[in-house]
Amino acid sequence: MADASGRRRIVRSAAVAAVALLGFLGPVGSATATADDSGSSTVLTLPARWTVDVKCPVERLSDGAIVDVVYGTGTGSTHNSAKKNALKDANDQIPRGHRAHHCREI
């Protein structure tokens, strides 16, 4: 009986340490750890992370011609924030005198 209690304490300590480390190093959000009654396993739930890729044709402003294609990748805690970061990544690659033209998610 004391053996199971000791294991349960070790598992909980490890879970608390992992959650503390993830909270310190990981993305902002809540991570929860729970142990079942037997103390044999711990379930760690992490915050969701999204990755979005976009493809943007590059339009030359002087004549409106499509001259190139750029790709961007972004991550975020929501789909919308990941898409916003991907669009920023693509726009950062576009040279002066050009613009992104109807970017789409791929």
N, C-alpha and C. Protein backbone atom coordinates (compact mmCIF):
# COMPACT_ATOMS: atom_id res chain seq x y z
N MET A 1 0.81 -1.19 0.00
CA MET A 1 0.00 0.00 0.00
C MET A 1 0.86 1.26 0.00
N ALA A 2 1.92 1.25 0.79
CA ALA A 2 2.81 2.41 0.84
C ALA A 2 3.54 2.58 -0.47
N ASP A 3 3.80 1.47 -1.16
CA ASP A 3 4.48 1.52 -2.46
C ASP A 3 3.67 2.30 -3.48
N ALA A 4 2.36 2.02 -3.57
CA ALA A 4 1.48 2.71 -4.52
C ALA A 4 1.38 4.19 -4.18
N SER A 5 1.33 4.50 -2.89
CA SER A 5 1.25 5.90 -2.46
C SER A 5 2.52 6.66 -2.84
N GLY A 6 3.66 6.01 -2.67
CA GLY A 6 4.93 6.63 -3.05
C GLY A 6 5.02 6.87 -4.54
N ARG A 7 4.56 5.88 -5.33
CA ARG A 7 4.56 6.04 -6.79
C ARG A 7 3.64 7.17 -7.20
N ARG A 8 2.47 7.25 -6.56
CA ARG A 8 1.50 8.29 -6.89
C ARG A 8 2.10 9.66 -6.61
N ARG A 9 2.83 9.79 -5.48
CA ARG A 9 3.47 11.05 -5.14
C ARG A 9 4.53 11.41 -6.17
N ILE A 10 5.31 10.44 -6.63
CA ILE A 10 6.35 10.69 -7.63
C ILE A 10 5.73 11.11 -8.96
N VAL A 11 4.66 10.41 -9.35
CA VAL A 11 3.98 10.75 -10.61
C VAL A 11 3.42 12.16 -10.53
N ARG A 12 2.79 12.50 -9.43
CA ARG A 12 2.23 13.85 -9.29
C ARG A 12 3.33 14.90 -9.28
N SER A 13 4.45 14.60 -8.62
CA SER A 13 5.57 15.55 -8.59
C SER A 13 6.12 15.77 -9.99
N ALA A 14 6.25 14.69 -10.74
CA ALA A 14 6.75 14.80 -12.11
C ALA A 14 5.77 15.60 -12.98
N ALA A 15 4.48 15.37 -12.77
CA ALA A 15 3.47 16.09 -13.55
C ALA A 15 3.51 17.58 -13.22
N VAL A 16 3.63 17.91 -11.94
CA VAL A 16 3.69 19.31 -11.53
C VAL A 16 4.94 19.97 -12.10
N ALA A 17 6.07 19.26 -12.09
CA ALA A 17 7.31 19.81 -12.64
C ALA A 17 7.17 20.02 -14.15
N ALA A 18 6.54 19.06 -14.84
CA ALA A 18 6.36 19.20 -16.29
C ALA A 18 5.45 20.38 -16.61
N VAL A 19 4.38 20.52 -15.86
CA VAL A 19 3.46 21.64 -16.09
C VAL A 19 4.16 22.96 -15.81
N ALA A 20 4.95 23.02 -14.76
CA ALA A 20 5.67 24.25 -14.43
C ALA A 20 6.67 24.58 -15.53
N LEU A 21 7.36 23.59 -16.04
CA LEU A 21 8.33 23.81 -17.11
C LEU A 21 7.64 24.25 -18.38
N LEU A 22 6.52 23.61 -18.73
CA LEU A 22 5.78 24.01 -19.93
C LEU A 22 5.23 25.42 -19.79
N GLY A 23 4.77 25.75 -18.60
CA GLY A 23 4.26 27.10 -18.37
C GLY A 23 5.35 28.14 -18.49
N PHE A 24 6.57 27.78 -18.13
CA PHE A 24 7.70 28.70 -18.20
C PHE A 24 8.25 28.81 -19.61
N LEU A 25 8.40 27.69 -20.31
CA LEU A 25 9.01 27.67 -21.63
C LEU A 25 8.02 27.64 -22.79
N GLY A 26 6.83 27.10 -22.56
CA GLY A 26 5.88 26.87 -23.63
C GLY A 26 5.03 28.07 -23.95
N PRO A 27 4.05 27.87 -24.85
CA PRO A 27 3.15 28.94 -25.23
C PRO A 27 2.22 29.31 -24.07
N VAL A 28 1.70 30.53 -24.14
CA VAL A 28 0.81 30.99 -23.09
C VAL A 28 -0.47 30.17 -23.17
N GLY A 29 -0.94 29.71 -22.06
CA GLY A 29 -2.15 28.88 -22.01
C GLY A 29 -2.11 28.05 -20.76
N SER A 30 -3.12 27.24 -20.59
CA SER A 30 -3.15 26.42 -19.39
C SER A 30 -2.89 24.97 -19.76
N ALA A 31 -2.07 24.32 -18.98
CA ALA A 31 -1.82 22.89 -19.14
C ALA A 31 -2.22 22.24 -17.84
N THR A 32 -2.99 21.17 -17.93
CA THR A 32 -3.44 20.50 -16.73
C THR A 32 -2.94 19.08 -16.70
N ALA A 33 -2.65 18.60 -15.51
CA ALA A 33 -2.22 17.22 -15.34
C ALA A 33 -3.13 16.56 -14.33
N THR A 34 -3.53 15.32 -14.63
CA THR A 34 -4.36 14.59 -13.69
C THR A 34 -3.85 13.17 -13.57
N ALA A 35 -3.98 12.60 -12.40
CA ALA A 35 -3.61 11.21 -12.17
C ALA A 35 -4.87 10.43 -11.84
N ASP A 36 -4.98 9.21 -12.36
CA ASP A 36 -6.15 8.41 -12.03
C ASP A 36 -5.99 7.84 -10.62
N ASP A 37 -7.02 7.16 -10.12
CA ASP A 37 -7.02 6.67 -8.74
C ASP A 37 -5.93 5.66 -8.46
N SER A 38 -5.53 4.88 -9.47
CA SER A 38 -4.50 3.88 -9.24
C SER A 38 -3.11 4.50 -9.16
N GLY A 39 -2.96 5.71 -9.67
CA GLY A 39 -1.67 6.38 -9.65
C GLY A 39 -0.70 5.84 -10.67
N SER A 40 -1.20 5.01 -11.59
CA SER A 40 -0.29 4.36 -12.53
C SER A 40 0.01 5.21 -13.76
N SER A 41 -0.82 6.19 -14.08
CA SER A 41 -0.55 6.99 -15.27
C SER A 41 -0.97 8.43 -15.05
N THR A 42 -0.38 9.30 -15.81
CA THR A 42 -0.69 10.71 -15.75
C THR A 42 -1.05 11.18 -17.15
N VAL A 43 -2.11 11.95 -17.28
CA VAL A 43 -2.53 12.50 -18.56
C VAL A 43 -2.23 13.98 -18.54
N LEU A 44 -1.44 14.43 -19.50
CA LEU A 44 -1.06 15.84 -19.59
C LEU A 44 -1.74 16.43 -20.81
N THR A 45 -2.54 17.47 -20.63
CA THR A 45 -3.24 18.12 -21.71
C THR A 45 -2.53 19.42 -22.05
N LEU A 46 -2.07 19.56 -23.29
CA LEU A 46 -1.34 20.75 -23.71
C LEU A 46 -2.26 21.69 -24.48
N PRO A 47 -1.97 22.98 -24.50
CA PRO A 47 -2.76 23.91 -25.29
C PRO A 47 -2.62 23.60 -26.78
N ALA A 48 -3.69 23.87 -27.54
CA ALA A 48 -3.69 23.58 -28.97
C ALA A 48 -2.71 24.51 -29.69
N ARG A 49 -2.10 24.02 -30.75
CA ARG A 49 -1.16 24.79 -31.56
C ARG A 49 -1.53 24.58 -33.03
N TRP A 50 -1.66 25.65 -33.77
CA TRP A 50 -2.04 25.59 -35.18
C TRP A 50 -0.87 26.00 -36.05
N THR A 51 -0.78 25.41 -37.24
CA THR A 51 0.19 25.81 -38.26
C THR A 51 -0.57 26.00 -39.56
N VAL A 52 -0.34 27.12 -40.23
CA VAL A 52 -1.02 27.44 -41.49
C VAL A 52 0.02 27.83 -42.52
N ASP A 53 -0.15 27.34 -43.76
CA ASP A 53 0.68 27.72 -44.90
C ASP A 53 -0.19 28.49 -45.89
N VAL A 54 0.36 29.56 -46.46
CA VAL A 54 -0.35 30.34 -47.46
C VAL A 54 0.50 30.49 -48.72
N LYS A 55 -0.19 30.69 -49.83
CA LYS A 55 0.46 30.91 -51.13
C LYS A 55 -0.08 32.24 -51.67
N CYS A 56 0.85 33.15 -52.02
CA CYS A 56 0.44 34.47 -52.47
C CYS A 56 1.09 34.80 -53.81
N PRO A 57 0.30 35.06 -54.85
CA PRO A 57 0.86 35.60 -56.09
C PRO A 57 1.39 37.02 -55.82
N VAL A 58 2.49 37.37 -56.46
CA VAL A 58 3.10 38.69 -56.29
C VAL A 58 2.73 39.55 -57.50
N GLU A 59 2.09 40.67 -57.24
CA GLU A 59 1.66 41.58 -58.30
C GLU A 59 2.61 42.78 -58.36
N ARG A 60 3.12 43.09 -59.55
CA ARG A 60 3.94 44.30 -59.74
C ARG A 60 2.98 45.48 -59.83
N LEU A 61 3.22 46.52 -59.02
CA LEU A 61 2.29 47.65 -58.95
C LEU A 61 2.29 48.50 -60.22
N SER A 62 3.41 48.56 -60.93
CA SER A 62 3.50 49.45 -62.10
C SER A 62 2.58 49.02 -63.24
N ASP A 63 2.41 47.72 -63.45
CA ASP A 63 1.56 47.29 -64.56
C ASP A 63 0.52 46.24 -64.17
N GLY A 64 0.51 45.82 -62.92
CA GLY A 64 -0.50 44.86 -62.46
C GLY A 64 -0.23 43.42 -62.85
N ALA A 65 0.95 43.14 -63.38
CA ALA A 65 1.26 41.77 -63.81
C ALA A 65 1.67 40.91 -62.62
N ILE A 66 1.25 39.65 -62.65
CA ILE A 66 1.68 38.69 -61.64
C ILE A 66 3.05 38.19 -62.07
N VAL A 67 4.05 38.40 -61.22
CA VAL A 67 5.42 38.10 -61.61
C VAL A 67 6.07 36.98 -60.81
N ASP A 68 5.47 36.58 -59.69
CA ASP A 68 6.09 35.58 -58.84
C ASP A 68 5.05 35.03 -57.88
N VAL A 69 5.45 34.04 -57.09
CA VAL A 69 4.62 33.47 -56.03
C VAL A 69 5.49 33.34 -54.79
N VAL A 70 4.94 33.73 -53.63
CA VAL A 70 5.66 33.54 -52.36
C VAL A 70 4.80 32.67 -51.44
N TYR A 71 5.48 31.97 -50.55
CA TYR A 71 4.82 31.11 -49.58
C TYR A 71 5.14 31.62 -48.18
N GLY A 72 4.18 31.50 -47.29
CA GLY A 72 4.39 31.88 -45.91
C GLY A 72 3.86 30.83 -44.97
N THR A 73 4.49 30.71 -43.82
CA THR A 73 4.07 29.76 -42.79
C THR A 73 3.93 30.50 -41.47
N GLY A 74 2.88 30.17 -40.72
CA GLY A 74 2.67 30.79 -39.43
C GLY A 74 2.11 29.82 -38.43
N THR A 75 2.39 30.05 -37.16
CA THR A 75 1.85 29.24 -36.08
C THR A 75 1.16 30.15 -35.08
N GLY A 76 0.22 29.57 -34.33
CA GLY A 76 -0.47 30.33 -33.32
C GLY A 76 -1.35 29.44 -32.48
N SER A 77 -1.91 30.00 -31.43
CA SER A 77 -2.76 29.22 -30.55
C SER A 77 -4.17 29.05 -31.11
N THR A 78 -4.54 29.86 -32.11
CA THR A 78 -5.82 29.69 -32.81
C THR A 78 -5.54 29.66 -34.31
N HIS A 79 -6.52 29.18 -35.06
CA HIS A 79 -6.36 29.13 -36.52
C HIS A 79 -6.19 30.54 -37.09
N ASN A 80 -6.98 31.48 -36.62
CA ASN A 80 -6.91 32.85 -37.14
C ASN A 80 -5.56 33.50 -36.86
N SER A 81 -5.01 33.30 -35.67
CA SER A 81 -3.71 33.89 -35.36
C SER A 81 -2.60 33.23 -36.18
N ALA A 82 -2.72 31.92 -36.43
CA ALA A 82 -1.73 31.23 -37.26
C ALA A 82 -1.80 31.74 -38.70
N LYS A 83 -3.01 31.97 -39.21
CA LYS A 83 -3.16 32.49 -40.58
C LYS A 83 -2.62 33.91 -40.69
N LYS A 84 -2.89 34.72 -39.68
CA LYS A 84 -2.37 36.09 -39.67
C LYS A 84 -0.84 36.09 -39.70
N ASN A 85 -0.22 35.20 -38.92
CA ASN A 85 1.24 35.11 -38.90
C ASN A 85 1.79 34.59 -40.22
N ALA A 86 1.07 33.68 -40.88
CA ALA A 86 1.49 33.17 -42.18
C ALA A 86 1.41 34.28 -43.24
N LEU A 87 0.37 35.08 -43.22
CA LEU A 87 0.25 36.19 -44.17
C LEU A 87 1.36 37.22 -43.94
N LYS A 88 1.69 37.47 -42.69
CA LYS A 88 2.79 38.39 -42.40
C LYS A 88 4.10 37.84 -42.92
N ASP A 89 4.32 36.54 -42.74
CA ASP A 89 5.55 35.91 -43.24
C ASP A 89 5.65 36.04 -44.76
N ALA A 90 4.54 35.84 -45.46
CA ALA A 90 4.54 35.97 -46.92
C ALA A 90 4.77 37.42 -47.33
N ASN A 91 4.10 38.36 -46.67
CA ASN A 91 4.24 39.77 -47.03
C ASN A 91 5.64 40.31 -46.75
N ASP A 92 6.33 39.75 -45.76
CA ASP A 92 7.70 40.17 -45.46
C ASP A 92 8.67 39.82 -46.58
N GLN A 93 8.30 38.88 -47.44
CA GLN A 93 9.17 38.44 -48.54
C GLN A 93 8.94 39.22 -49.84
N ILE A 94 7.92 40.06 -49.87
CA ILE A 94 7.56 40.76 -51.11
C ILE A 94 8.41 42.02 -51.25
N PRO A 95 9.05 42.19 -52.42
CA PRO A 95 9.93 43.35 -52.61
C PRO A 95 9.14 44.66 -52.78
N ARG A 96 9.86 45.76 -52.65
CA ARG A 96 9.29 47.09 -52.84
C ARG A 96 8.76 47.20 -54.27
N GLY A 97 7.61 47.85 -54.42
CA GLY A 97 7.00 48.03 -55.74
C GLY A 97 6.10 46.87 -56.13
N HIS A 98 5.88 45.94 -55.22
CA HIS A 98 5.02 44.78 -55.47
C HIS A 98 4.07 44.62 -54.29
N ARG A 99 3.06 43.78 -54.46
CA ARG A 99 2.14 43.49 -53.36
C ARG A 99 1.63 42.06 -53.50
N ALA A 100 1.15 41.53 -52.37
CA ALA A 100 0.52 40.21 -52.38
C ALA A 100 -0.85 40.35 -53.03
N HIS A 101 -1.21 39.39 -53.85
CA HIS A 101 -2.46 39.47 -54.60
C HIS A 101 -3.30 38.22 -54.33
N HIS A 102 -4.36 38.35 -53.52
CA HIS A 102 -5.29 37.26 -53.22
C HIS A 102 -4.58 36.02 -52.67
N CYS A 103 -4.00 36.15 -51.50
CA CYS A 103 -3.36 35.01 -50.84
C CYS A 103 -4.41 33.97 -50.50
N ARG A 104 -3.98 32.69 -50.54
CA ARG A 104 -4.92 31.63 -50.17
C ARG A 104 -4.19 30.61 -49.31
N GLU A 105 -4.98 29.98 -48.46
CA GLU A 105 -4.44 28.95 -47.57
C GLU A 105 -4.22 27.66 -48.35
N ILE A 106 -3.09 27.02 -48.10
CA ILE A 106 -2.82 25.75 -48.78
C ILE A 106 -2.68 24.63 -47.78
